[in-house]
Structure formats: C-alpha cells, structure tokens
Amino acid sequence: MILEFIGLLVAGYYFFYFIAQPFLDCDLHLAYKEKYGKPIDTLRNKVVWITGASSGIGEHLAYVLAVAGCKLILSARREGELLRVKERCLAGNKLLTADDVEVLVLDVVAIETHEKAFNHVINKFGKLDILVNNAGRSQRALWANIEIDVDRQMFELNVFGTISLSRIAMKYFSKRGEGHIAVTSSLAGVMGVPFSATYTATKHALHGYFGALRLETFGQNTKITIFCPGPIQTAFLAESFTEKSGEKLGEETAVSDAKMSAGRCAKLFAVALANEVYEAWVAYPKMMILVYICAYYPNIMNLLPKFISSKKFLNMRDSKEVLKVE
C-alpha cells in the first residue's frame, strides 16, 4: 500500500506539472518562487557582475537588477554599448550613482585577462556577491558540415571562458564563505536541438561542469543557478555562428508571439537569483511541454520525429526559415 501511495503521489506530481504548464511561461518551481518566494529587491546592495551585458538577456537583466538596487559590473567587448546600458540602468533607479555601475570591457575568450578583471572588481566594490556568466553566441548549421574550428571557437566562448572566470570566483567565494555563480544555459542544454549541434554541446557541457561543482560544494554557502531560456526575442541570429569559421549568420531575428520578451526573461532570471534556484527553465508552453517530454518521457520523445520534422522544429524555433533544409 505504501508503494502504491508513493506511486500515486509521483504520478500526481507529474500530472499536475502538465496541467499547470499551459498557463505558465517557466517551470512550476520558478513560477512558485515568483509568486511566493523572495522578491527581487532582496538583492538590493548585492554586487553583481554580468558578462555579455551589452545586449540581449544580459542587458535586460542589468536593468532589472538596477531597479532592485544592485551594484553592477557590466562586461562585454563593446564599450559604447556598455555605456548605453549603464546610462539606462542609472535612469531606471535614481538612487544609484555613476560609481554604482561599473563598465568593464572584457573579452571572455581572453582567459589571460580574467584574473586582472576580477581583481579590478574587488578593488572597486570591495566584494563580489554574484557572478552572472551570460556571454555566448548561438549557431545555425548542418551537423555534417560544421568545421572543427567552429567547434573549438564556440567552446572557447560558451564554455571555457565561463569556466575560467567561475573558477577564479569560486576560489574567492570559498575563502569568503559565501557567493553565487549563475550561468546562462539554454533549453538546448536539456535536450538535443537540430541545426545547432555545437551550441547544444556547449550548453550540455555547462550543465556537466556546474552539476559537478554543485555536488562538490554541497553543504557550503556557495550557490549555483543554471538559467535555461527557450526562444527569446533578442537579436541573437545576427551574431550566430554558422558551419564556417569566421562567418556570422547575419540574419534579422523575426518578431514573433512565440518568443518571450527579453524583459520578461530577465525578470525571471532575477527571480531565480533572488531565490537561489539551482536550475530554471523559461519558455512559452508549447516549447516547455516539449522539453518536459524530452526530459521525463524519453520513450515518447523518440516518437516525436515521426510527427515533428527537424525542419519544422527549426522554423518553430526561429519563426522563419534561416537555413535551407531538405
């Protein structure tokens, strides 16, 4: 009877997930935290370093955290764009001063500069509370045609730069006795995604790295958040890798109701940070249900290609045709 009762509880738990999901734009745990957990403004006065802060999710996360009263370090390669983001952060919260938002130009691939950049942050603010590893680029390419140099370049950017900076932060947090590392992954880190093979691999790698770190530091006061967005309305396609080294896709991202706004995505990211959520999934219901099936019902997932072609999946993801696929 006890096993039957436990079985019913488990079945009911997953059934409730599927019933609730059509009404949510994130996983149920994050939705609960948004409604009943710690508010974002509990992060007030936290020192937060965001890489990839010049555009997209990183840019909009900076705006949300500025409103909450965080002190920010904004990093990316484009100083002009970072200055623009800084001005908007200051405009969003009149209580912040120019000294509360630091622009720190950084190429995360230049690993030899990470230690100096980290020391600059500590010298500037006296501490670091949260490191948000957000820098990265997507990809659209045919698996068989991807040049090996593209694989190397994408891992350097999406994985090794993040790991290098996080290891420096982890040593600091361990000595300090507290800290929080966050990383922007993707739903592509949870399931395989066609026509983005290297991108998918880099995101899976992040889950492996930080999953291991989580177990190694279990019981310590260092928190980890892996944030996994689905289709978001940002200009990511213009900078996306292709199958050829040195080439950018250069496509304009289609505006679609199927994509979540960058602002809403950033707010959910901030909720995950405030509540120290380990892993958060964010997307509209159609994509979220697909991910749930992939993660929890792999036998059903194996049947889906019979009903959803890889080309249809690509077009659903981008809301337009960006690759010629037979």
Protein backbone atom coordinates (compact mmCIF):
# COMPACT_ATOMS: atom_id res chain seq x y z
CA MET A 1 0.00 0.00 0.00
CA ILE A 2 2.83 2.37 0.83
CA LEU A 3 4.46 1.82 -2.56
CA GLU A 4 1.11 2.34 -4.29
CA PHE A 5 0.61 5.58 -2.37
CA ILE A 6 4.09 6.80 -3.31
CA GLY A 7 3.43 5.86 -6.93
CA LEU A 8 0.19 7.85 -6.90
CA LEU A 9 1.99 10.86 -5.43
CA VAL A 10 4.68 10.74 -8.13
CA ALA A 11 2.10 10.30 -10.90
CA GLY A 12 0.02 13.14 -9.47
CA TYR A 13 3.09 15.38 -9.24
CA TYR A 14 3.94 14.97 -12.93
CA PHE A 15 0.29 15.17 -13.96
CA PHE A 16 -0.03 18.48 -12.13
CA TYR A 17 3.07 19.76 -13.94
CA PHE A 18 1.47 19.09 -17.31
CA ILE A 19 -1.89 20.54 -16.27
CA ALA A 20 -0.28 23.74 -14.95
CA GLN A 21 2.22 24.27 -17.78
CA PRO A 22 -0.20 25.70 -20.40
CA PHE A 23 -0.75 28.63 -18.03
CA LEU A 24 2.93 29.31 -17.26
CA ASP A 25 5.95 30.74 -19.06
CA CYS A 26 8.50 28.91 -16.90
CA ASP A 27 8.83 25.71 -14.91
CA LEU A 28 6.49 25.25 -11.98
CA HIS A 29 9.18 25.67 -9.33
CA LEU A 30 10.27 29.05 -10.70
CA ALA A 31 6.63 30.13 -11.09
CA TYR A 32 6.06 29.28 -7.41
CA LYS A 33 9.13 31.27 -6.39
CA GLU A 34 7.98 34.27 -8.42
CA LYS A 35 4.63 34.29 -6.62
CA TYR A 36 5.54 33.16 -3.12
CA GLY A 37 9.34 33.31 -2.86
CA LYS A 38 11.76 36.12 -2.11
CA PRO A 39 11.13 39.31 -4.13
CA ILE A 40 13.85 40.57 -6.46
CA ASP A 41 14.55 43.60 -4.29
CA THR A 42 16.02 41.31 -1.61
CA LEU A 43 19.11 41.54 -3.85
CA ARG A 44 19.47 45.25 -3.01
CA ASN A 45 23.10 46.29 -2.43
CA LYS A 46 24.41 42.99 -3.81
CA VAL A 47 27.41 43.39 -6.12
CA VAL A 48 26.60 41.59 -9.36
CA TRP A 49 28.97 41.09 -12.30
CA ILE A 50 27.26 40.36 -15.62
CA THR A 51 29.21 39.24 -18.68
CA GLY A 52 27.56 39.65 -22.07
CA ALA A 53 25.82 42.72 -20.66
CA SER A 54 25.82 44.83 -23.84
CA SER A 55 22.72 43.21 -25.40
CA GLY A 56 20.03 40.59 -25.06
CA ILE A 57 19.32 38.83 -21.78
CA GLY A 58 22.39 40.27 -20.06
CA GLU A 59 21.41 43.83 -20.92
CA HIS A 60 17.85 43.42 -19.67
CA LEU A 61 18.97 41.59 -16.53
CA ALA A 62 21.11 44.64 -15.76
CA TYR A 63 18.01 46.86 -15.96
CA VAL A 64 16.02 44.61 -13.61
CA LEU A 65 18.83 44.41 -11.07
CA ALA A 66 19.45 48.16 -11.27
CA VAL A 67 15.82 48.79 -10.33
CA ALA A 68 16.27 46.35 -7.44
CA GLY A 69 19.20 48.45 -6.17
CA CYS A 70 22.12 46.18 -7.03
CA LYS A 71 25.61 47.49 -7.68
CA LEU A 72 26.62 46.30 -11.14
CA ILE A 73 29.68 45.45 -13.18
CA LEU A 74 28.79 45.34 -16.88
CA SER A 75 31.18 43.42 -19.13
CA ALA A 76 31.33 42.76 -22.86
CA ARG A 77 33.63 43.70 -25.74
CA ARG A 78 31.70 46.77 -26.95
CA GLU A 79 32.37 49.68 -24.61
CA GLY A 80 29.93 52.01 -26.38
CA GLU A 81 27.05 49.59 -25.87
CA LEU A 82 28.00 49.03 -22.25
CA LEU A 83 27.94 52.77 -21.62
CA ARG A 84 24.48 52.92 -23.16
CA VAL A 85 23.30 50.14 -20.84
CA LYS A 86 24.87 51.91 -17.86
CA GLU A 87 23.00 55.15 -18.61
CA ARG A 88 19.72 53.29 -18.82
CA CYS A 89 20.46 51.48 -15.54
CA LEU A 90 21.04 54.82 -13.82
CA ALA A 91 17.89 56.26 -15.37
CA GLY A 92 15.92 53.29 -14.05
CA ASN A 93 16.94 53.89 -10.45
CA LYS A 94 17.71 57.45 -9.38
CA LEU A 95 19.17 56.17 -6.10
CA LEU A 96 22.11 54.64 -7.97
CA THR A 97 25.14 56.77 -8.67
CA ALA A 98 27.59 56.50 -11.54
CA ASP A 99 30.01 54.76 -9.16
CA ASP A 100 27.43 52.03 -8.53
CA VAL A 101 27.54 50.80 -12.15
CA GLU A 102 30.99 49.93 -13.48
CA VAL A 103 31.72 49.37 -17.17
CA LEU A 104 34.47 46.78 -17.51
CA VAL A 105 35.38 45.88 -21.09
CA LEU A 106 36.17 42.16 -21.26
CA ASP A 107 36.56 39.53 -23.94
CA VAL A 108 35.76 36.29 -22.10
CA VAL A 109 37.83 34.33 -24.63
CA ALA A 110 40.95 36.21 -23.45
CA ILE A 111 41.39 33.99 -20.41
CA GLU A 112 44.73 35.58 -19.53
CA THR A 113 42.86 38.82 -18.65
CA HIS A 114 40.37 37.24 -16.23
CA GLU A 115 42.44 37.48 -13.05
CA LYS A 116 43.16 41.16 -13.60
CA ALA A 117 39.50 41.88 -14.36
CA PHE A 118 38.38 40.02 -11.23
CA ASN A 119 40.84 41.94 -9.06
CA HIS A 120 39.53 45.19 -10.55
CA VAL A 121 36.00 44.27 -9.45
CA ILE A 122 37.13 43.52 -5.88
CA ASN A 123 39.21 46.70 -5.70
CA LYS A 124 36.29 48.75 -6.99
CA PHE A 125 33.50 47.42 -4.76
CA GLY A 126 35.35 45.59 -2.00
CA LYS A 127 33.49 42.37 -2.72
CA LEU A 128 31.57 40.33 -5.29
CA ASP A 129 28.29 38.61 -4.39
CA ILE A 130 27.05 37.19 -7.70
CA LEU A 131 28.82 36.35 -10.95
CA VAL A 132 26.45 36.01 -13.91
CA ASN A 133 28.13 34.23 -16.83
CA ASN A 134 25.96 35.35 -19.70
CA ALA A 135 28.39 35.84 -22.60
CA GLY A 136 27.90 33.49 -25.54
CA ARG A 137 26.62 33.04 -29.07
CA SER A 138 24.16 30.71 -30.76
CA GLN A 139 24.52 28.73 -34.01
CA ARG A 140 22.65 27.63 -37.11
CA ALA A 141 24.37 24.95 -39.18
CA LEU A 142 24.11 21.46 -40.66
CA TRP A 143 25.82 18.96 -38.36
CA ALA A 144 27.90 17.22 -41.04
CA ASN A 145 29.22 20.50 -42.49
CA ILE A 146 30.47 22.16 -39.28
CA GLU A 147 34.18 22.94 -39.45
CA ILE A 148 36.13 21.71 -36.44
CA ASP A 149 37.45 25.25 -35.87
CA VAL A 150 33.88 26.37 -35.27
CA ASP A 151 33.54 23.73 -32.57
CA ARG A 152 36.74 24.98 -30.95
CA GLN A 153 35.74 28.64 -31.14
CA MET A 154 32.29 28.02 -29.69
CA PHE A 155 33.65 26.01 -26.78
CA GLU A 156 36.22 28.74 -26.10
CA LEU A 157 33.44 31.33 -25.90
CA ASN A 158 30.44 29.47 -24.48
CA VAL A 159 32.27 27.12 -22.12
CA PHE A 160 35.95 27.70 -21.38
CA GLY A 161 35.62 31.46 -20.82
CA THR A 162 32.77 30.84 -18.40
CA ILE A 163 34.63 28.08 -16.57
CA SER A 164 37.81 30.15 -16.27
CA LEU A 165 36.05 33.14 -14.74
CA SER A 166 33.93 30.93 -12.49
CA ARG A 167 36.97 29.11 -11.10
CA ILE A 168 38.51 32.43 -10.09
CA ALA A 169 35.22 33.45 -8.49
CA MET A 170 34.83 30.07 -6.79
CA LYS A 171 38.21 30.36 -5.07
CA TYR A 172 37.22 33.83 -3.84
CA PHE A 173 33.77 32.67 -2.67
CA SER A 174 35.29 29.68 -0.85
CA LYS A 175 37.61 31.94 1.13
CA ARG A 176 34.86 34.44 1.76
CA GLY A 177 32.42 31.74 2.87
CA GLU A 178 29.59 32.74 0.53
CA GLY A 179 28.83 33.62 -3.07
CA HIS A 180 26.62 32.86 -6.03
CA ILE A 181 27.59 31.75 -9.55
CA ALA A 182 24.96 31.91 -12.29
CA VAL A 183 25.25 30.79 -15.90
CA THR A 184 23.01 31.37 -18.88
CA SER A 185 22.49 27.98 -20.44
CA SER A 186 19.53 27.15 -22.69
CA LEU A 187 16.79 24.60 -23.10
CA ALA A 188 19.29 23.27 -25.66
CA GLY A 189 21.29 22.23 -22.61
CA VAL A 190 18.42 19.97 -21.57
CA MET A 191 17.54 18.40 -24.93
CA GLY A 192 19.15 17.95 -28.32
CA VAL A 193 18.37 20.74 -30.78
CA PRO A 194 18.74 20.21 -34.54
CA PHE A 195 20.88 22.57 -36.66
CA SER A 196 22.68 23.91 -33.58
CA ALA A 197 24.90 20.95 -32.77
CA THR A 198 27.91 22.79 -31.36
CA TYR A 199 25.73 25.25 -29.46
CA THR A 200 23.79 22.34 -27.96
CA ALA A 201 27.03 20.62 -27.00
CA THR A 202 28.38 23.73 -25.28
CA LYS A 203 25.23 24.11 -23.22
CA HIS A 204 25.25 20.44 -22.23
CA ALA A 205 28.87 20.93 -21.19
CA LEU A 206 27.89 23.76 -18.86
CA HIS A 207 25.37 21.51 -17.14
CA GLY A 208 28.08 18.90 -16.67
CA TYR A 209 30.61 21.34 -15.26
CA PHE A 210 28.25 23.08 -12.86
CA GLY A 211 26.43 19.90 -11.91
CA ALA A 212 29.76 18.52 -10.73
CA LEU A 213 30.54 21.76 -8.89
CA ARG A 214 27.18 21.66 -7.15
CA LEU A 215 27.91 18.19 -5.76
CA GLU A 216 31.46 19.12 -4.74
CA THR A 217 30.25 22.16 -2.81
CA PHE A 218 27.06 20.66 -1.36
CA GLY A 219 26.50 21.98 2.15
CA GLN A 220 28.69 25.01 1.56
CA ASN A 221 27.30 28.52 1.26
CA THR A 222 28.12 28.90 -2.43
CA LYS A 223 25.03 28.87 -4.64
CA ILE A 224 24.74 27.92 -8.31
CA THR A 225 21.99 28.90 -10.75
CA ILE A 226 21.71 27.45 -14.25
CA PHE A 227 19.22 29.52 -16.23
CA CYS A 228 17.76 27.81 -19.31
CA PRO A 229 15.73 30.06 -21.63
CA GLY A 230 13.97 28.89 -24.77
CA PRO A 231 13.15 31.19 -27.72
CA ILE A 232 13.67 34.80 -26.58
CA GLN A 233 13.05 37.97 -28.60
CA THR A 234 16.63 39.18 -28.94
CA ALA A 235 18.88 39.90 -31.94
CA PHE A 236 20.87 36.68 -31.44
CA LEU A 237 20.66 35.45 -35.05
CA ALA A 238 22.81 38.28 -36.41
CA GLU A 239 25.80 37.12 -34.32
CA SER A 240 25.14 33.39 -34.53
CA PHE A 241 27.89 31.04 -35.64
CA THR A 242 27.35 29.02 -38.79
CA GLU A 243 29.20 25.94 -40.06
CA LYS A 244 32.13 28.02 -41.35
CA SER A 245 34.89 29.54 -39.24
CA GLY A 246 34.79 33.33 -39.08
CA GLU A 247 31.28 33.56 -40.53
CA LYS A 248 28.22 35.06 -38.83
CA LEU A 249 24.67 34.16 -39.79
CA GLY A 250 23.75 37.84 -40.14
CA GLU A 251 20.00 37.18 -40.07
CA GLU A 252 17.50 39.55 -38.52
CA THR A 253 15.58 37.81 -35.75
CA ALA A 254 11.89 37.54 -36.62
CA VAL A 255 9.43 39.18 -34.25
CA SER A 256 7.03 36.53 -33.04
CA ASP A 257 4.47 35.96 -30.30
CA ALA A 258 6.13 32.58 -29.82
CA LYS A 259 9.20 34.27 -28.37
CA MET A 260 9.35 35.65 -24.86
CA SER A 261 10.42 39.27 -24.47
CA ALA A 262 13.93 39.86 -23.18
CA GLY A 263 12.48 41.93 -20.35
CA ARG A 264 10.24 39.14 -19.09
CA CYS A 265 13.08 36.64 -19.41
CA ALA A 266 15.37 38.91 -17.40
CA LYS A 267 12.77 39.30 -14.66
CA LEU A 268 12.50 35.52 -14.32
CA PHE A 269 16.31 35.31 -14.24
CA ALA A 270 16.34 37.81 -11.38
CA VAL A 271 13.68 35.77 -9.54
CA ALA A 272 15.91 32.70 -9.90
CA LEU A 273 18.87 34.65 -8.49
CA ALA A 274 16.92 36.08 -5.56
CA ASN A 275 15.61 32.63 -4.64
CA GLU A 276 18.88 30.81 -5.36
CA VAL A 277 17.14 28.40 -7.73
CA TYR A 278 19.55 25.74 -8.96
CA GLU A 279 18.06 25.22 -12.43
CA ALA A 280 15.32 27.27 -14.08
CA TRP A 281 13.55 26.60 -17.40
CA VAL A 282 11.90 29.51 -19.19
CA ALA A 283 9.76 29.42 -22.35
CA TYR A 284 6.19 29.55 -23.53
CA PRO A 285 4.02 26.43 -23.02
CA LYS A 286 4.48 24.74 -26.41
CA MET A 287 8.25 24.61 -26.03
CA MET A 288 8.15 23.84 -22.32
CA ILE A 289 5.90 20.82 -22.80
CA LEU A 290 8.27 19.53 -25.48
CA VAL A 291 11.19 19.85 -23.05
CA TYR A 292 9.27 18.08 -20.29
CA ILE A 293 8.55 15.18 -22.62
CA CYS A 294 12.22 15.01 -23.60
CA ALA A 295 13.46 15.11 -20.00
CA TYR A 296 10.92 12.88 -18.31
CA TYR A 297 9.46 10.68 -21.06
CA PRO A 298 12.34 9.82 -23.42
CA ASN A 299 10.48 6.89 -24.98
CA ILE A 300 7.74 9.27 -26.09
CA MET A 301 10.36 11.74 -27.26
CA ASN A 302 11.82 9.09 -29.55
CA LEU A 303 8.48 9.00 -31.39
CA LEU A 304 8.21 12.78 -31.89
CA PRO A 305 10.39 12.98 -35.04
CA LYS A 306 7.66 10.99 -36.78
CA PHE A 307 5.28 13.89 -36.16
CA ILE A 308 7.58 16.95 -35.98
CA SER A 309 10.29 17.15 -38.65
CA SER A 310 13.63 18.74 -37.83
CA LYS A 311 12.89 21.47 -40.39
CA LYS A 312 9.55 22.23 -38.75
CA PHE A 313 11.25 22.36 -35.35
CA LEU A 314 13.83 24.83 -36.69
CA ASN A 315 11.16 27.08 -38.20
CA MET A 316 9.12 26.90 -35.00
CA ARG A 317 12.19 27.91 -33.03
CA ASP A 318 13.17 30.87 -35.24
CA SER A 319 9.70 31.79 -36.54
CA LYS A 320 11.16 31.91 -40.05
CA GLU A 321 13.43 29.92 -42.36
CA VAL A 322 17.08 30.72 -41.66
CA LEU A 323 18.61 27.59 -43.25
CA LYS A 324 17.77 25.75 -46.42
CA VAL A 325 16.98 22.26 -45.16
CA GLU A 326 15.74 19.43 -47.34
